[in-house]
């Protein structure tokens, strides 16, 4: 498995875990972010989406789908921009930026791995 595929696999596992937590015990995750607890279904829908999206990352990694890796560099990198905007707009506490940093770090790891393998 290439380094870029490994970075995607790690990210897929991260999404798998985050999705599972949001599906099973969403209020634990919300509490860590300083967000109010909810019994509404929307947070579990997000968990389901993350869980299913994780399968794309894991299967993409296992099949060395380099074009997919390249696409995710831009989308994962943009997550931090959205999270900063959400904080600046007062929608959420600054702790959300930490999750954006994780996305950005993963995107940079994949980008560097792709570049070094060319």
N, C-alpha and C. Protein backbone atom coordinates (compact mmCIF):
# COMPACT_ATOMS: atom_id res chain seq x y z
N UNK A 1 0.85 -1.18 0.00
CA UNK A 1 0.00 0.00 0.00
C UNK A 1 0.90 1.24 0.00
N UNK A 2 0.60 2.15 -0.90
CA UNK A 2 1.39 3.38 -1.00
C UNK A 2 1.15 4.27 0.21
N UNK A 3 2.03 5.24 0.39
CA UNK A 3 1.89 6.18 1.51
C UNK A 3 0.61 6.99 1.37
N UNK A 4 0.28 7.39 0.14
CA UNK A 4 -0.95 8.15 -0.05
C UNK A 4 -2.17 7.29 0.28
N UNK A 5 -2.12 6.01 -0.08
CA UNK A 5 -3.23 5.11 0.26
C UNK A 5 -3.33 4.91 1.77
N UNK A 6 -2.19 4.84 2.43
CA UNK A 6 -2.21 4.72 3.90
C UNK A 6 -2.85 5.95 4.53
N UNK A 7 -2.54 7.13 3.99
CA UNK A 7 -3.15 8.35 4.54
C UNK A 7 -4.66 8.32 4.36
N UNK A 8 -5.12 7.79 3.25
CA UNK A 8 -6.55 7.68 3.00
C UNK A 8 -7.19 6.64 3.92
N UNK A 9 -6.49 5.55 4.15
CA UNK A 9 -7.00 4.51 5.04
C UNK A 9 -7.15 5.06 6.46
N UNK A 10 -6.15 5.79 6.93
CA UNK A 10 -6.22 6.39 8.26
C UNK A 10 -7.40 7.35 8.34
N UNK A 11 -7.57 8.16 7.31
CA UNK A 11 -8.67 9.11 7.29
C UNK A 11 -10.01 8.38 7.26
N UNK A 12 -10.08 7.30 6.49
CA UNK A 12 -11.30 6.51 6.44
C UNK A 12 -11.65 5.92 7.79
N UNK A 13 -10.64 5.46 8.51
CA UNK A 13 -10.87 4.91 9.85
C UNK A 13 -11.33 6.02 10.81
N UNK A 14 -10.74 7.20 10.67
CA UNK A 14 -11.16 8.36 11.47
C UNK A 14 -12.64 8.67 11.21
N UNK A 15 -13.03 8.71 9.95
CA UNK A 15 -14.44 8.95 9.60
C UNK A 15 -15.34 7.82 10.10
N UNK A 16 -14.86 6.60 10.00
CA UNK A 16 -15.62 5.44 10.47
C UNK A 16 -15.94 5.59 11.96
N UNK A 17 -14.92 5.94 12.73
CA UNK A 17 -15.10 6.13 14.16
C UNK A 17 -16.02 7.29 14.49
N UNK A 18 -15.78 8.42 13.83
CA UNK A 18 -16.61 9.61 14.07
C UNK A 18 -18.06 9.33 13.69
N UNK A 19 -18.26 8.66 12.57
CA UNK A 19 -19.61 8.31 12.14
C UNK A 19 -20.30 7.39 13.12
N UNK A 20 -19.57 6.39 13.60
CA UNK A 20 -20.15 5.45 14.55
C UNK A 20 -20.54 6.16 15.85
N UNK A 21 -19.67 7.05 16.32
CA UNK A 21 -19.98 7.79 17.55
C UNK A 21 -21.23 8.64 17.37
N UNK A 22 -21.33 9.32 16.23
CA UNK A 22 -22.50 10.16 15.99
C UNK A 22 -23.77 9.34 15.81
N UNK A 23 -23.64 8.12 15.34
CA UNK A 23 -24.81 7.24 15.22
C UNK A 23 -25.24 6.69 16.58
N UNK A 24 -24.29 6.30 17.40
CA UNK A 24 -24.59 5.57 18.62
C UNK A 24 -24.71 6.46 19.85
N UNK A 25 -23.73 7.36 20.04
CA UNK A 25 -23.72 8.24 21.22
C UNK A 25 -23.41 9.68 20.80
N UNK A 26 -24.30 10.27 20.03
CA UNK A 26 -24.01 11.60 19.46
C UNK A 26 -23.79 12.69 20.48
N UNK A 27 -24.46 12.62 21.62
CA UNK A 27 -24.35 13.70 22.59
C UNK A 27 -22.98 13.74 23.27
N UNK A 28 -22.27 12.63 23.28
CA UNK A 28 -20.89 12.64 23.79
C UNK A 28 -20.04 13.52 22.89
N UNK A 29 -20.17 13.32 21.58
CA UNK A 29 -19.41 14.11 20.61
C UNK A 29 -19.81 15.58 20.68
N UNK A 30 -21.10 15.84 20.74
CA UNK A 30 -21.57 17.23 20.82
C UNK A 30 -21.06 17.91 22.08
N UNK A 31 -21.07 17.18 23.18
CA UNK A 31 -20.57 17.74 24.43
C UNK A 31 -19.09 18.11 24.35
N UNK A 32 -18.29 17.28 23.67
CA UNK A 32 -16.86 17.57 23.50
C UNK A 32 -16.66 18.85 22.72
N UNK A 33 -17.59 19.18 21.84
CA UNK A 33 -17.48 20.40 21.04
C UNK A 33 -18.16 21.59 21.70
N UNK A 34 -18.75 21.35 22.86
CA UNK A 34 -19.44 22.44 23.54
C UNK A 34 -20.77 22.78 22.90
N UNK A 35 -21.31 21.84 22.14
CA UNK A 35 -22.60 22.05 21.48
C UNK A 35 -23.70 21.47 22.35
N UNK A 36 -24.90 22.02 22.24
CA UNK A 36 -26.00 21.50 23.05
C UNK A 36 -26.39 20.07 22.64
N UNK A 37 -26.80 19.29 23.62
CA UNK A 37 -27.26 17.93 23.33
C UNK A 37 -28.56 18.00 22.54
N UNK A 38 -28.81 16.95 21.77
CA UNK A 38 -30.03 16.91 20.97
C UNK A 38 -30.56 15.50 20.91
N UNK A 39 -31.86 15.40 20.73
CA UNK A 39 -32.50 14.12 20.48
C UNK A 39 -33.04 14.08 19.06
N UNK A 40 -32.73 15.12 18.29
CA UNK A 40 -33.19 15.17 16.91
C UNK A 40 -32.37 14.21 16.06
N UNK A 41 -32.96 13.79 14.97
CA UNK A 41 -32.34 12.77 14.13
C UNK A 41 -31.18 13.32 13.29
N UNK A 42 -31.09 14.63 13.10
CA UNK A 42 -30.10 15.19 12.16
C UNK A 42 -28.68 14.77 12.50
N UNK A 43 -28.34 14.70 13.78
CA UNK A 43 -26.98 14.36 14.16
C UNK A 43 -26.67 12.91 13.80
N UNK A 44 -27.65 12.05 13.91
CA UNK A 44 -27.46 10.64 13.52
C UNK A 44 -27.39 10.50 12.00
N UNK A 45 -28.10 11.37 11.28
CA UNK A 45 -28.01 11.37 9.82
C UNK A 45 -26.58 11.74 9.40
N UNK A 46 -26.01 12.73 10.08
CA UNK A 46 -24.62 13.11 9.80
C UNK A 46 -23.69 11.93 10.12
N UNK A 47 -23.94 11.25 11.22
CA UNK A 47 -23.16 10.08 11.57
C UNK A 47 -23.24 9.00 10.51
N UNK A 48 -24.45 8.75 10.01
CA UNK A 48 -24.62 7.77 8.95
C UNK A 48 -23.84 8.17 7.70
N UNK A 49 -23.91 9.45 7.34
CA UNK A 49 -23.19 9.93 6.17
C UNK A 49 -21.68 9.79 6.33
N UNK A 50 -21.16 10.14 7.50
CA UNK A 50 -19.73 9.98 7.76
C UNK A 50 -19.34 8.51 7.71
N UNK A 51 -20.15 7.66 8.32
CA UNK A 51 -19.87 6.23 8.33
C UNK A 51 -19.82 5.68 6.91
N UNK A 52 -20.81 6.03 6.10
CA UNK A 52 -20.83 5.55 4.72
C UNK A 52 -19.72 6.18 3.87
N UNK A 53 -19.43 7.45 4.10
CA UNK A 53 -18.35 8.11 3.38
C UNK A 53 -17.01 7.46 3.71
N UNK A 54 -16.87 6.99 4.94
CA UNK A 54 -15.62 6.32 5.33
C UNK A 54 -15.34 5.12 4.45
N UNK A 55 -16.39 4.47 3.99
CA UNK A 55 -16.20 3.29 3.13
C UNK A 55 -15.54 3.68 1.81
N UNK A 56 -15.87 4.85 1.27
CA UNK A 56 -15.21 5.33 0.05
C UNK A 56 -13.70 5.50 0.28
N UNK A 57 -13.36 6.09 1.41
CA UNK A 57 -11.95 6.30 1.72
C UNK A 57 -11.22 4.97 1.92
N UNK A 58 -11.83 4.07 2.64
CA UNK A 58 -11.19 2.77 2.91
C UNK A 58 -11.07 1.95 1.63
N UNK A 59 -12.14 1.87 0.87
CA UNK A 59 -12.08 1.10 -0.38
C UNK A 59 -11.18 1.78 -1.41
N UNK A 60 -11.20 3.10 -1.45
CA UNK A 60 -10.30 3.83 -2.34
C UNK A 60 -8.85 3.55 -1.99
N UNK A 61 -8.54 3.51 -0.71
CA UNK A 61 -7.18 3.21 -0.26
C UNK A 61 -6.79 1.80 -0.64
N UNK A 62 -7.67 0.86 -0.42
CA UNK A 62 -7.36 -0.54 -0.72
C UNK A 62 -7.17 -0.78 -2.21
N UNK A 63 -7.76 0.08 -3.04
CA UNK A 63 -7.67 -0.09 -4.49
C UNK A 63 -6.77 0.94 -5.16
N UNK A 64 -6.02 1.71 -4.34
CA UNK A 64 -5.05 2.69 -4.86
C UNK A 64 -5.68 3.65 -5.88
N UNK A 65 -6.82 4.19 -5.56
CA UNK A 65 -7.53 5.11 -6.46
C UNK A 65 -6.94 6.51 -6.35
N UNK A 66 -5.79 6.70 -6.99
CA UNK A 66 -5.04 7.95 -6.87
C UNK A 66 -5.84 9.17 -7.29
N UNK A 67 -6.66 9.05 -8.29
CA UNK A 67 -7.45 10.21 -8.71
C UNK A 67 -8.41 10.62 -7.59
N UNK A 68 -8.96 9.65 -6.89
CA UNK A 68 -9.81 9.95 -5.74
C UNK A 68 -9.00 10.62 -4.64
N UNK A 69 -7.79 10.14 -4.40
CA UNK A 69 -6.92 10.75 -3.39
C UNK A 69 -6.72 12.23 -3.70
N UNK A 70 -6.46 12.53 -4.98
CA UNK A 70 -6.24 13.93 -5.39
C UNK A 70 -7.47 14.78 -5.13
N UNK A 71 -8.64 14.27 -5.46
CA UNK A 71 -9.88 15.03 -5.24
C UNK A 71 -10.07 15.35 -3.77
N UNK A 72 -9.75 14.38 -2.91
CA UNK A 72 -10.00 14.59 -1.48
C UNK A 72 -9.06 15.61 -0.86
N UNK A 73 -7.92 15.81 -1.46
CA UNK A 73 -6.99 16.82 -0.92
C UNK A 73 -7.69 18.18 -0.88
N UNK A 74 -8.40 18.51 -1.94
CA UNK A 74 -9.07 19.81 -2.00
C UNK A 74 -10.29 19.86 -1.08
N UNK A 75 -11.07 18.81 -1.07
CA UNK A 75 -12.29 18.83 -0.25
C UNK A 75 -11.96 18.78 1.23
N UNK A 76 -11.02 17.93 1.63
CA UNK A 76 -10.65 17.85 3.04
C UNK A 76 -9.96 19.13 3.48
N UNK A 77 -9.18 19.72 2.60
CA UNK A 77 -8.52 20.98 2.92
C UNK A 77 -9.50 22.11 3.13
N UNK A 78 -10.61 22.08 2.42
CA UNK A 78 -11.60 23.15 2.54
C UNK A 78 -12.44 23.05 3.81
N UNK A 79 -12.47 21.89 4.44
CA UNK A 79 -13.25 21.72 5.68
C UNK A 79 -12.81 22.74 6.72
N UNK A 80 -11.51 22.94 6.86
CA UNK A 80 -11.03 23.89 7.87
C UNK A 80 -11.52 25.30 7.57
N UNK A 81 -11.61 25.66 6.31
CA UNK A 81 -12.12 26.99 5.96
C UNK A 81 -13.58 27.15 6.37
N UNK A 82 -14.37 26.12 6.12
CA UNK A 82 -15.77 26.17 6.54
C UNK A 82 -15.89 26.26 8.05
N UNK A 83 -15.09 25.48 8.77
CA UNK A 83 -15.17 25.49 10.22
C UNK A 83 -14.76 26.84 10.80
N UNK A 84 -13.75 27.46 10.24
CA UNK A 84 -13.35 28.80 10.67
C UNK A 84 -14.50 29.78 10.41
N UNK A 85 -15.12 29.67 9.26
CA UNK A 85 -16.26 30.55 8.94
C UNK A 85 -17.39 30.34 9.93
N UNK A 86 -17.68 29.07 10.29
CA UNK A 86 -18.74 28.79 11.25
C UNK A 86 -18.44 29.43 12.60
N UNK A 87 -17.17 29.39 13.00
CA UNK A 87 -16.77 30.01 14.27
C UNK A 87 -16.92 31.53 14.17
N UNK A 88 -16.42 32.12 13.09
CA UNK A 88 -16.50 33.57 12.92
C UNK A 88 -17.93 34.08 12.86
N UNK A 89 -18.83 33.26 12.33
CA UNK A 89 -20.24 33.64 12.25
C UNK A 89 -20.98 33.39 13.57
N UNK A 90 -20.28 32.82 14.54
CA UNK A 90 -20.87 32.59 15.85
C UNK A 90 -21.76 31.36 15.94
N UNK A 91 -21.67 30.46 14.95
CA UNK A 91 -22.50 29.26 14.97
C UNK A 91 -22.02 28.22 15.98
N UNK A 92 -20.72 28.24 16.28
CA UNK A 92 -20.11 27.20 17.11
C UNK A 92 -18.89 27.77 17.82
N UNK A 93 -18.48 27.08 18.87
CA UNK A 93 -17.30 27.50 19.62
C UNK A 93 -16.02 27.16 18.84
N UNK A 94 -14.93 27.86 19.13
CA UNK A 94 -13.67 27.67 18.39
C UNK A 94 -13.10 26.25 18.43
N UNK A 95 -13.55 25.41 19.34
CA UNK A 95 -13.02 24.04 19.41
C UNK A 95 -13.26 23.28 18.10
N UNK A 96 -14.27 23.69 17.34
CA UNK A 96 -14.54 23.04 16.06
C UNK A 96 -13.37 23.19 15.10
N UNK A 97 -12.61 24.26 15.25
CA UNK A 97 -11.45 24.48 14.38
C UNK A 97 -10.45 23.34 14.53
N UNK A 98 -10.37 22.76 15.71
CA UNK A 98 -9.47 21.62 15.92
C UNK A 98 -9.80 20.47 14.98
N UNK A 99 -11.08 20.19 14.81
CA UNK A 99 -11.47 19.13 13.86
C UNK A 99 -11.08 19.52 12.43
N UNK A 100 -11.19 20.79 12.12
CA UNK A 100 -10.77 21.26 10.80
C UNK A 100 -9.28 21.10 10.59
N UNK A 101 -8.50 21.29 11.66
CA UNK A 101 -7.06 21.10 11.58
C UNK A 101 -6.73 19.64 11.28
N UNK A 102 -7.50 18.72 11.86
CA UNK A 102 -7.30 17.29 11.58
C UNK A 102 -7.53 17.02 10.10
N UNK A 103 -8.59 17.59 9.54
CA UNK A 103 -8.87 17.42 8.11
C UNK A 103 -7.76 18.02 7.26
N UNK A 104 -7.33 19.21 7.63
CA UNK A 104 -6.27 19.88 6.88
C UNK A 104 -4.97 19.08 6.95
N UNK A 105 -4.62 18.59 8.12
CA UNK A 105 -3.40 17.79 8.27
C UNK A 105 -3.47 16.52 7.42
N UNK A 106 -4.62 15.88 7.41
CA UNK A 106 -4.79 14.69 6.57
C UNK A 106 -4.66 15.01 5.09
N UNK A 107 -5.21 16.14 4.68
CA UNK A 107 -5.12 16.55 3.28
C UNK A 107 -3.67 16.84 2.89
N UNK A 108 -2.96 17.51 3.78
CA UNK A 108 -1.55 17.82 3.52
C UNK A 108 -0.73 16.53 3.44
N UNK A 109 -0.99 15.59 4.35
CA UNK A 109 -0.29 14.31 4.33
C UNK A 109 -0.51 13.60 2.99
N UNK A 110 -1.76 13.55 2.54
CA UNK A 110 -2.06 12.90 1.26
C UNK A 110 -1.40 13.64 0.11
N UNK A 111 -1.47 14.96 0.12
CA UNK A 111 -0.86 15.75 -0.97
C UNK A 111 0.64 15.52 -1.05
N UNK A 112 1.30 15.54 0.09
CA UNK A 112 2.76 15.31 0.11
C UNK A 112 3.09 13.89 -0.35
N UNK A 113 2.30 12.92 0.08
CA UNK A 113 2.53 11.54 -0.33
C UNK A 113 2.34 11.37 -1.83
N UNK A 114 1.31 12.01 -2.37
CA UNK A 114 1.09 11.93 -3.82
C UNK A 114 2.25 12.58 -4.58
N UNK A 115 2.69 13.72 -4.09
CA UNK A 115 3.78 14.43 -4.76
C UNK A 115 5.08 13.62 -4.72
N UNK A 116 5.37 13.01 -3.61
CA UNK A 116 6.63 12.26 -3.49
C UNK A 116 6.62 10.98 -4.32
N UNK A 117 5.45 10.48 -4.66
CA UNK A 117 5.40 9.24 -5.43
C UNK A 117 5.37 9.47 -6.93
N UNK A 118 5.37 10.72 -7.37
CA UNK A 118 5.34 11.01 -8.81
C UNK A 118 6.69 10.82 -9.44
